[in-house]
């Protein structure tokens, strides 16, 4: 159970990093278009 839980946390962390990178890229694109 603990191995499964840690594995799920790792996937959530990886998804959060990916989401954060996509959000940052979207903000940069929006800023460039606004400028």
ModelCIF file with pLDDT and N, C-alpha, C, O atoms, coordinates in Angstrom:
data_MODEL
#
_entry.id   MODEL 
#
_entity.id                         1 
_entity.type                       polymer 
_entity.pdbx_number_of_molecules   1 
#
_entity_poly.entity_id                      1 
_entity_poly.type                           'polypeptide(L)' 
_entity_poly.nstd_linkage                   no 
_entity_poly.nstd_monomer                   no 
_entity_poly.pdbx_seq_one_letter_code       
;(UNK)(UNK)(UNK)(UNK)(UNK)(UNK)(UNK)(UNK)(UNK)(UNK)(UNK)(UNK)(UNK)(UNK)(UNK)(UNK)
(UNK)(UNK)(UNK)(UNK)(UNK)(UNK)(UNK)(UNK)(UNK)(UNK)(UNK)(UNK)(UNK)(UNK)(UNK)(UNK)
(UNK)(UNK)(UNK)
;
_entity_poly.pdbx_seq_one_letter_code_can   XXXXXXXXXXXXXXXXXXXXXXXXXXXXXXXXXXX 
_entity_poly.pdbx_strand_id                 A 
#
loop_
_entity_poly_seq.entity_id 
_entity_poly_seq.num 
_entity_poly_seq.mon_id 
_entity_poly_seq.hetero 
1 1  UNK n 
1 2  UNK n 
1 3  UNK n 
1 4  UNK n 
1 5  UNK n 
1 6  UNK n 
1 7  UNK n 
1 8  UNK n 
1 9  UNK n 
1 10 UNK n 
1 11 UNK n 
1 12 UNK n 
1 13 UNK n 
1 14 UNK n 
1 15 UNK n 
1 16 UNK n 
1 17 UNK n 
1 18 UNK n 
1 19 UNK n 
1 20 UNK n 
1 21 UNK n 
1 22 UNK n 
1 23 UNK n 
1 24 UNK n 
1 25 UNK n 
1 26 UNK n 
1 27 UNK n 
1 28 UNK n 
1 29 UNK n 
1 30 UNK n 
1 31 UNK n 
1 32 UNK n 
1 33 UNK n 
1 34 UNK n 
1 35 UNK n 
#
_struct_asym.id          A 
_struct_asym.entity_id   1 
#
loop_
_ma_qa_metric.id 
_ma_qa_metric.mode 
_ma_qa_metric.name 
_ma_qa_metric.software_group_id 
_ma_qa_metric.type 
1 global pLDDT . pLDDT 
2 local  pLDDT . pLDDT 
#
_ma_qa_metric_global.metric_id      1 
_ma_qa_metric_global.metric_value   61.74 
_ma_qa_metric_global.model_id       1 
_ma_qa_metric_global.ordinal_id     1 
#
loop_
_ma_qa_metric_local.label_asym_id 
_ma_qa_metric_local.label_comp_id 
_ma_qa_metric_local.label_seq_id 
_ma_qa_metric_local.metric_id 
_ma_qa_metric_local.metric_value 
_ma_qa_metric_local.model_id 
_ma_qa_metric_local.ordinal_id 
A UNK 1  2 61.00 1 1  
A UNK 2  2 63.00 1 2  
A UNK 3  2 65.00 1 3  
A UNK 4  2 61.00 1 4  
A UNK 5  2 59.00 1 5  
A UNK 6  2 56.00 1 6  
A UNK 7  2 61.00 1 7  
A UNK 8  2 54.00 1 8  
A UNK 9  2 54.00 1 9  
A UNK 10 2 57.00 1 10 
A UNK 11 2 56.00 1 11 
A UNK 12 2 53.00 1 12 
A UNK 13 2 56.00 1 13 
A UNK 14 2 60.00 1 14 
A UNK 15 2 60.00 1 15 
A UNK 16 2 58.00 1 16 
A UNK 17 2 67.00 1 17 
A UNK 18 2 64.00 1 18 
A UNK 19 2 63.00 1 19 
A UNK 20 2 65.00 1 20 
A UNK 21 2 65.00 1 21 
A UNK 22 2 65.00 1 22 
A UNK 23 2 66.00 1 23 
A UNK 24 2 67.00 1 24 
A UNK 25 2 73.00 1 25 
A UNK 26 2 68.00 1 26 
A UNK 27 2 72.00 1 27 
A UNK 28 2 74.00 1 28 
A UNK 29 2 68.00 1 29 
A UNK 30 2 68.00 1 30 
A UNK 31 2 61.00 1 31 
A UNK 32 2 58.00 1 32 
A UNK 33 2 61.00 1 33 
A UNK 34 2 53.00 1 34 
A UNK 35 2 49.00 1 35 
#
loop_
_atom_site.group_PDB 
_atom_site.id 
_atom_site.type_symbol 
_atom_site.label_atom_id 
_atom_site.label_alt_id 
_atom_site.label_comp_id 
_atom_site.label_asym_id 
_atom_site.label_entity_id 
_atom_site.label_seq_id 
_atom_site.pdbx_PDB_ins_code 
_atom_site.Cartn_x 
_atom_site.Cartn_y 
_atom_site.Cartn_z 
_atom_site.occupancy 
_atom_site.B_iso_or_equiv 
_atom_site.pdbx_formal_charge 
_atom_site.auth_seq_id 
_atom_site.auth_comp_id 
_atom_site.auth_asym_id 
_atom_site.auth_atom_id 
_atom_site.pdbx_PDB_model_num 
ATOM 1   N N  . UNK A 1 1  ? 0.831  -1.207 0.000   1.00 61.00 ? 1  UNK A N  1 
ATOM 2   C CA . UNK A 1 1  ? 0.000  0.000  0.000   1.00 61.00 ? 1  UNK A CA 1 
ATOM 3   C C  . UNK A 1 1  ? 0.869  1.261  0.000   1.00 61.00 ? 1  UNK A C  1 
ATOM 4   O O  . UNK A 1 1  ? 0.577  2.214  -0.723  1.00 61.00 ? 1  UNK A O  1 
ATOM 5   N N  . UNK A 1 2  ? 1.928  1.270  0.803   1.00 63.00 ? 2  UNK A N  1 
ATOM 6   C CA . UNK A 1 2  ? 2.805  2.431  0.890   1.00 63.00 ? 2  UNK A CA 1 
ATOM 7   C C  . UNK A 1 2  ? 3.525  2.655  -0.441  1.00 63.00 ? 2  UNK A C  1 
ATOM 8   O O  . UNK A 1 2  ? 3.681  3.798  -0.873  1.00 63.00 ? 2  UNK A O  1 
ATOM 9   N N  . UNK A 1 3  ? 3.961  1.587  -1.090  1.00 65.00 ? 3  UNK A N  1 
ATOM 10  C CA . UNK A 1 3  ? 4.627  1.723  -2.380  1.00 65.00 ? 3  UNK A CA 1 
ATOM 11  C C  . UNK A 1 3  ? 3.671  2.313  -3.410  1.00 65.00 ? 3  UNK A C  1 
ATOM 12  O O  . UNK A 1 3  ? 4.046  3.176  -4.204  1.00 65.00 ? 3  UNK A O  1 
ATOM 13  N N  . UNK A 1 4  ? 2.443  1.839  -3.383  1.00 61.00 ? 4  UNK A N  1 
ATOM 14  C CA . UNK A 1 4  ? 1.443  2.358  -4.296  1.00 61.00 ? 4  UNK A CA 1 
ATOM 15  C C  . UNK A 1 4  ? 1.170  3.840  -4.017  1.00 61.00 ? 4  UNK A C  1 
ATOM 16  O O  . UNK A 1 4  ? 1.072  4.631  -4.955  1.00 61.00 ? 4  UNK A O  1 
ATOM 17  N N  . UNK A 1 5  ? 1.049  4.220  -2.761  1.00 59.00 ? 5  UNK A N  1 
ATOM 18  C CA . UNK A 1 5  ? 0.776  5.609  -2.368  1.00 59.00 ? 5  UNK A CA 1 
ATOM 19  C C  . UNK A 1 5  ? 1.921  6.520  -2.796  1.00 59.00 ? 5  UNK A C  1 
ATOM 20  O O  . UNK A 1 5  ? 1.679  7.595  -3.346  1.00 59.00 ? 5  UNK A O  1 
ATOM 21  N N  . UNK A 1 6  ? 3.164  6.108  -2.553  1.00 56.00 ? 6  UNK A N  1 
ATOM 22  C CA . UNK A 1 6  ? 4.309  6.932  -2.952  1.00 56.00 ? 6  UNK A CA 1 
ATOM 23  C C  . UNK A 1 6  ? 4.398  7.052  -4.465  1.00 56.00 ? 6  UNK A C  1 
ATOM 24  O O  . UNK A 1 6  ? 4.765  8.104  -4.989  1.00 56.00 ? 6  UNK A O  1 
ATOM 25  N N  . UNK A 1 7  ? 4.069  5.989  -5.159  1.00 61.00 ? 7  UNK A N  1 
ATOM 26  C CA . UNK A 1 7  ? 4.077  6.012  -6.615  1.00 61.00 ? 7  UNK A CA 1 
ATOM 27  C C  . UNK A 1 7  ? 3.042  7.009  -7.127  1.00 61.00 ? 7  UNK A C  1 
ATOM 28  O O  . UNK A 1 7  ? 3.311  7.756  -8.068  1.00 61.00 ? 7  UNK A O  1 
ATOM 29  N N  . UNK A 1 8  ? 1.881  7.024  -6.524  1.00 54.00 ? 8  UNK A N  1 
ATOM 30  C CA . UNK A 1 8  ? 0.823  7.960  -6.913  1.00 54.00 ? 8  UNK A CA 1 
ATOM 31  C C  . UNK A 1 8  ? 1.255  9.394  -6.633  1.00 54.00 ? 8  UNK A C  1 
ATOM 32  O O  . UNK A 1 8  ? 1.000  10.291 -7.436  1.00 54.00 ? 8  UNK A O  1 
ATOM 33  N N  . UNK A 1 9  ? 1.913  9.613  -5.484  1.00 54.00 ? 9  UNK A N  1 
ATOM 34  C CA . UNK A 1 9  ? 2.392  10.965 -5.147  1.00 54.00 ? 9  UNK A CA 1 
ATOM 35  C C  . UNK A 1 9  ? 3.409  11.449 -6.166  1.00 54.00 ? 9  UNK A C  1 
ATOM 36  O O  . UNK A 1 9  ? 3.410  12.620 -6.546  1.00 54.00 ? 9  UNK A O  1 
ATOM 37  N N  . UNK A 1 10 ? 4.281  10.535 -6.611  1.00 57.00 ? 10 UNK A N  1 
ATOM 38  C CA . UNK A 1 10 ? 5.293  10.899 -7.596  1.00 57.00 ? 10 UNK A CA 1 
ATOM 39  C C  . UNK A 1 10 ? 4.616  11.327 -8.900  1.00 57.00 ? 10 UNK A C  1 
ATOM 40  O O  . UNK A 1 10 ? 5.021  12.312 -9.518  1.00 57.00 ? 10 UNK A O  1 
ATOM 41  N N  . UNK A 1 11 ? 3.565  10.572 -9.322  1.00 56.00 ? 11 UNK A N  1 
ATOM 42  C CA . UNK A 1 11 ? 2.844  10.924 -10.539 1.00 56.00 ? 11 UNK A CA 1 
ATOM 43  C C  . UNK A 1 11 ? 2.139  12.271 -10.386 1.00 56.00 ? 11 UNK A C  1 
ATOM 44  O O  . UNK A 1 11 ? 2.134  13.070 -11.322 1.00 56.00 ? 11 UNK A O  1 
ATOM 45  N N  . UNK A 1 12 ? 1.542  12.534 -9.219  1.00 53.00 ? 12 UNK A N  1 
ATOM 46  C CA . UNK A 1 12 ? 0.870  13.805 -8.967  1.00 53.00 ? 12 UNK A CA 1 
ATOM 47  C C  . UNK A 1 12 ? 1.893  14.934 -9.025  1.00 53.00 ? 12 UNK A C  1 
ATOM 48  O O  . UNK A 1 12 ? 1.626  15.988 -9.602  1.00 53.00 ? 12 UNK A O  1 
ATOM 49  N N  . UNK A 1 13 ? 3.061  14.715 -8.430  1.00 56.00 ? 13 UNK A N  1 
ATOM 50  C CA . UNK A 1 13 ? 4.113  15.724 -8.444  1.00 56.00 ? 13 UNK A CA 1 
ATOM 51  C C  . UNK A 1 13 ? 4.567  15.998 -9.869  1.00 56.00 ? 13 UNK A C  1 
ATOM 52  O O  . UNK A 1 13 ? 4.754  17.151 -10.256 1.00 56.00 ? 13 UNK A O  1 
ATOM 53  N N  . UNK A 1 14 ? 4.745  14.930 -10.655 1.00 60.00 ? 14 UNK A N  1 
ATOM 54  C CA . UNK A 1 14 ? 5.165  15.094 -12.040 1.00 60.00 ? 14 UNK A CA 1 
ATOM 55  C C  . UNK A 1 14 ? 4.095  15.837 -12.833 1.00 60.00 ? 14 UNK A C  1 
ATOM 56  O O  . UNK A 1 14 ? 4.418  16.697 -13.652 1.00 60.00 ? 14 UNK A O  1 
ATOM 57  N N  . UNK A 1 15 ? 2.815  15.512 -12.596 1.00 60.00 ? 15 UNK A N  1 
ATOM 58  C CA . UNK A 1 15 ? 1.715  16.205 -13.273 1.00 60.00 ? 15 UNK A CA 1 
ATOM 59  C C  . UNK A 1 15 ? 1.671  17.671 -12.871 1.00 60.00 ? 15 UNK A C  1 
ATOM 60  O O  . UNK A 1 15 ? 1.400  18.528 -13.712 1.00 60.00 ? 15 UNK A O  1 
ATOM 61  N N  . UNK A 1 16 ? 1.930  17.976 -11.615 1.00 58.00 ? 16 UNK A N  1 
ATOM 62  C CA . UNK A 1 16 ? 1.934  19.358 -11.134 1.00 58.00 ? 16 UNK A CA 1 
ATOM 63  C C  . UNK A 1 16 ? 3.047  20.139 -11.811 1.00 58.00 ? 16 UNK A C  1 
ATOM 64  O O  . UNK A 1 16 ? 2.861  21.296 -12.189 1.00 58.00 ? 16 UNK A O  1 
ATOM 65  N N  . UNK A 1 17 ? 4.221  19.500 -11.965 1.00 67.00 ? 17 UNK A N  1 
ATOM 66  C CA . UNK A 1 17 ? 5.328  20.180 -12.643 1.00 67.00 ? 17 UNK A CA 1 
ATOM 67  C C  . UNK A 1 17 ? 4.982  20.446 -14.103 1.00 67.00 ? 17 UNK A C  1 
ATOM 68  O O  . UNK A 1 17 ? 5.267  21.527 -14.619 1.00 67.00 ? 17 UNK A O  1 
ATOM 69  N N  . UNK A 1 18 ? 4.373  19.476 -14.768 1.00 64.00 ? 18 UNK A N  1 
ATOM 70  C CA . UNK A 1 18 ? 3.981  19.640 -16.162 1.00 64.00 ? 18 UNK A CA 1 
ATOM 71  C C  . UNK A 1 18 ? 2.938  20.737 -16.288 1.00 64.00 ? 18 UNK A C  1 
ATOM 72  O O  . UNK A 1 18 ? 3.035  21.586 -17.175 1.00 64.00 ? 18 UNK A O  1 
ATOM 73  N N  . UNK A 1 19 ? 1.940  20.730 -15.411 1.00 63.00 ? 19 UNK A N  1 
ATOM 74  C CA . UNK A 1 19 ? 0.905  21.764 -15.426 1.00 63.00 ? 19 UNK A CA 1 
ATOM 75  C C  . UNK A 1 19 ? 1.515  23.132 -15.192 1.00 63.00 ? 19 UNK A C  1 
ATOM 76  O O  . UNK A 1 19 ? 1.141  24.103 -15.851 1.00 63.00 ? 19 UNK A O  1 
ATOM 77  N N  . UNK A 1 20 ? 2.452  23.217 -14.256 1.00 65.00 ? 20 UNK A N  1 
ATOM 78  C CA . UNK A 1 20 ? 3.113  24.483 -13.956 1.00 65.00 ? 20 UNK A CA 1 
ATOM 79  C C  . UNK A 1 20 ? 3.889  24.989 -15.167 1.00 65.00 ? 20 UNK A C  1 
ATOM 80  O O  . UNK A 1 20 ? 3.858  26.182 -15.468 1.00 65.00 ? 20 UNK A O  1 
ATOM 81  N N  . UNK A 1 21 ? 4.584  24.094 -15.862 1.00 65.00 ? 21 UNK A N  1 
ATOM 82  C CA . UNK A 1 21 ? 5.356  24.485 -17.048 1.00 65.00 ? 21 UNK A CA 1 
ATOM 83  C C  . UNK A 1 21 ? 4.425  24.965 -18.156 1.00 65.00 ? 21 UNK A C  1 
ATOM 84  O O  . UNK A 1 21 ? 4.721  25.953 -18.829 1.00 65.00 ? 21 UNK A O  1 
ATOM 85  N N  . UNK A 1 22 ? 3.314  24.281 -18.349 1.00 65.00 ? 22 UNK A N  1 
ATOM 86  C CA . UNK A 1 22 ? 2.344  24.677 -19.378 1.00 65.00 ? 22 UNK A CA 1 
ATOM 87  C C  . UNK A 1 22 ? 1.740  26.037 -19.032 1.00 65.00 ? 22 UNK A C  1 
ATOM 88  O O  . UNK A 1 22 ? 1.581  26.890 -19.905 1.00 65.00 ? 22 UNK A O  1 
ATOM 89  N N  . UNK A 1 23 ? 1.403  26.236 -17.756 1.00 66.00 ? 23 UNK A N  1 
ATOM 90  C CA . UNK A 1 23 ? 0.842  27.515 -17.310 1.00 66.00 ? 23 UNK A CA 1 
ATOM 91  C C  . UNK A 1 23 ? 1.840  28.645 -17.513 1.00 66.00 ? 23 UNK A C  1 
ATOM 92  O O  . UNK A 1 23 ? 1.468  29.722 -17.978 1.00 66.00 ? 23 UNK A O  1 
ATOM 93  N N  . UNK A 1 24 ? 3.100  28.411 -17.170 1.00 67.00 ? 24 UNK A N  1 
ATOM 94  C CA . UNK A 1 24 ? 4.140  29.431 -17.355 1.00 67.00 ? 24 UNK A CA 1 
ATOM 95  C C  . UNK A 1 24 ? 4.282  29.784 -18.827 1.00 67.00 ? 24 UNK A C  1 
ATOM 96  O O  . UNK A 1 24 ? 4.377  30.962 -19.174 1.00 67.00 ? 24 UNK A O  1 
ATOM 97  N N  . UNK A 1 25 ? 4.297  28.781 -19.696 1.00 73.00 ? 25 UNK A N  1 
ATOM 98  C CA . UNK A 1 25 ? 4.418  29.005 -21.140 1.00 73.00 ? 25 UNK A CA 1 
ATOM 99  C C  . UNK A 1 25 ? 3.216  29.789 -21.653 1.00 73.00 ? 25 UNK A C  1 
ATOM 100 O O  . UNK A 1 25 ? 3.379  30.688 -22.478 1.00 73.00 ? 25 UNK A O  1 
ATOM 101 N N  . UNK A 1 26 ? 2.029  29.471 -21.190 1.00 68.00 ? 26 UNK A N  1 
ATOM 102 C CA . UNK A 1 26 ? 0.817  30.179 -21.607 1.00 68.00 ? 26 UNK A CA 1 
ATOM 103 C C  . UNK A 1 26 ? 0.863  31.637 -21.167 1.00 68.00 ? 26 UNK A C  1 
ATOM 104 O O  . UNK A 1 26 ? 0.467  32.529 -21.917 1.00 68.00 ? 26 UNK A O  1 
ATOM 105 N N  . UNK A 1 27 ? 1.347  31.878 -19.953 1.00 72.00 ? 27 UNK A N  1 
ATOM 106 C CA . UNK A 1 27 ? 1.464  33.252 -19.456 1.00 72.00 ? 27 UNK A CA 1 
ATOM 107 C C  . UNK A 1 27 ? 2.463  34.042 -20.286 1.00 72.00 ? 27 UNK A C  1 
ATOM 108 O O  . UNK A 1 27 ? 2.229  35.210 -20.597 1.00 72.00 ? 27 UNK A O  1 
ATOM 109 N N  . UNK A 1 28 ? 3.590  33.405 -20.651 1.00 74.00 ? 28 UNK A N  1 
ATOM 110 C CA . UNK A 1 28 ? 4.604  34.081 -21.468 1.00 74.00 ? 28 UNK A CA 1 
ATOM 111 C C  . UNK A 1 28 ? 4.039  34.425 -22.846 1.00 74.00 ? 28 UNK A C  1 
ATOM 112 O O  . UNK A 1 28 ? 4.277  35.514 -23.369 1.00 74.00 ? 28 UNK A O  1 
ATOM 113 N N  . UNK A 1 29 ? 3.291  33.487 -23.428 1.00 68.00 ? 29 UNK A N  1 
ATOM 114 C CA . UNK A 1 29 ? 2.691  33.707 -24.735 1.00 68.00 ? 29 UNK A CA 1 
ATOM 115 C C  . UNK A 1 29 ? 1.672  34.840 -24.669 1.00 68.00 ? 29 UNK A C  1 
ATOM 116 O O  . UNK A 1 29 ? 1.640  35.699 -25.551 1.00 68.00 ? 29 UNK A O  1 
ATOM 117 N N  . UNK A 1 30 ? 0.843  34.847 -23.631 1.00 68.00 ? 30 UNK A N  1 
ATOM 118 C CA . UNK A 1 30 ? -0.151 35.905 -23.450 1.00 68.00 ? 30 UNK A CA 1 
ATOM 119 C C  . UNK A 1 30 ? 0.522  37.251 -23.277 1.00 68.00 ? 30 UNK A C  1 
ATOM 120 O O  . UNK A 1 30 ? 0.080  38.243 -23.857 1.00 68.00 ? 30 UNK A O  1 
ATOM 121 N N  . UNK A 1 31 ? 1.591  37.301 -22.483 1.00 61.00 ? 31 UNK A N  1 
ATOM 122 C CA . UNK A 1 31 ? 2.318  38.552 -22.259 1.00 61.00 ? 31 UNK A CA 1 
ATOM 123 C C  . UNK A 1 31 ? 2.915  39.062 -23.570 1.00 61.00 ? 31 UNK A C  1 
ATOM 124 O O  . UNK A 1 31 ? 2.841  40.255 -23.862 1.00 61.00 ? 31 UNK A O  1 
ATOM 125 N N  . UNK A 1 32 ? 3.500  38.171 -24.352 1.00 58.00 ? 32 UNK A N  1 
ATOM 126 C CA . UNK A 1 32 ? 4.089  38.564 -25.636 1.00 58.00 ? 32 UNK A CA 1 
ATOM 127 C C  . UNK A 1 32 ? 3.017  39.106 -26.579 1.00 58.00 ? 32 UNK A C  1 
ATOM 128 O O  . UNK A 1 32 ? 3.247  40.097 -27.271 1.00 58.00 ? 32 UNK A O  1 
ATOM 129 N N  . UNK A 1 33 ? 1.846  38.462 -26.611 1.00 61.00 ? 33 UNK A N  1 
ATOM 130 C CA . UNK A 1 33 ? 0.755  38.933 -27.470 1.00 61.00 ? 33 UNK A CA 1 
ATOM 131 C C  . UNK A 1 33 ? 0.238  40.280 -26.988 1.00 61.00 ? 33 UNK A C  1 
ATOM 132 O O  . UNK A 1 33 ? -0.066 41.146 -27.807 1.00 61.00 ? 33 UNK A O  1 
ATOM 133 N N  . UNK A 1 34 ? 0.131  40.477 -25.676 1.00 53.00 ? 34 UNK A N  1 
ATOM 134 C CA . UNK A 1 34 ? -0.303 41.767 -25.127 1.00 53.00 ? 34 UNK A CA 1 
ATOM 135 C C  . UNK A 1 34 ? 0.674  42.871 -25.498 1.00 53.00 ? 34 UNK A C  1 
ATOM 136 O O  . UNK A 1 34 ? 0.261  43.967 -25.878 1.00 53.00 ? 34 UNK A O  1 
ATOM 137 N N  . UNK A 1 35 ? 1.982  42.586 -25.389 1.00 49.00 ? 35 UNK A N  1 
ATOM 138 C CA . UNK A 1 35 ? 2.997  43.581 -25.755 1.00 49.00 ? 35 UNK A CA 1 
ATOM 139 C C  . UNK A 1 35 ? 2.928  43.894 -27.241 1.00 49.00 ? 35 UNK A C  1 
ATOM 140 O O  . UNK A 1 35 ? 3.705  44.710 -27.737 1.00 49.00 ? 35 UNK A O  1 
#
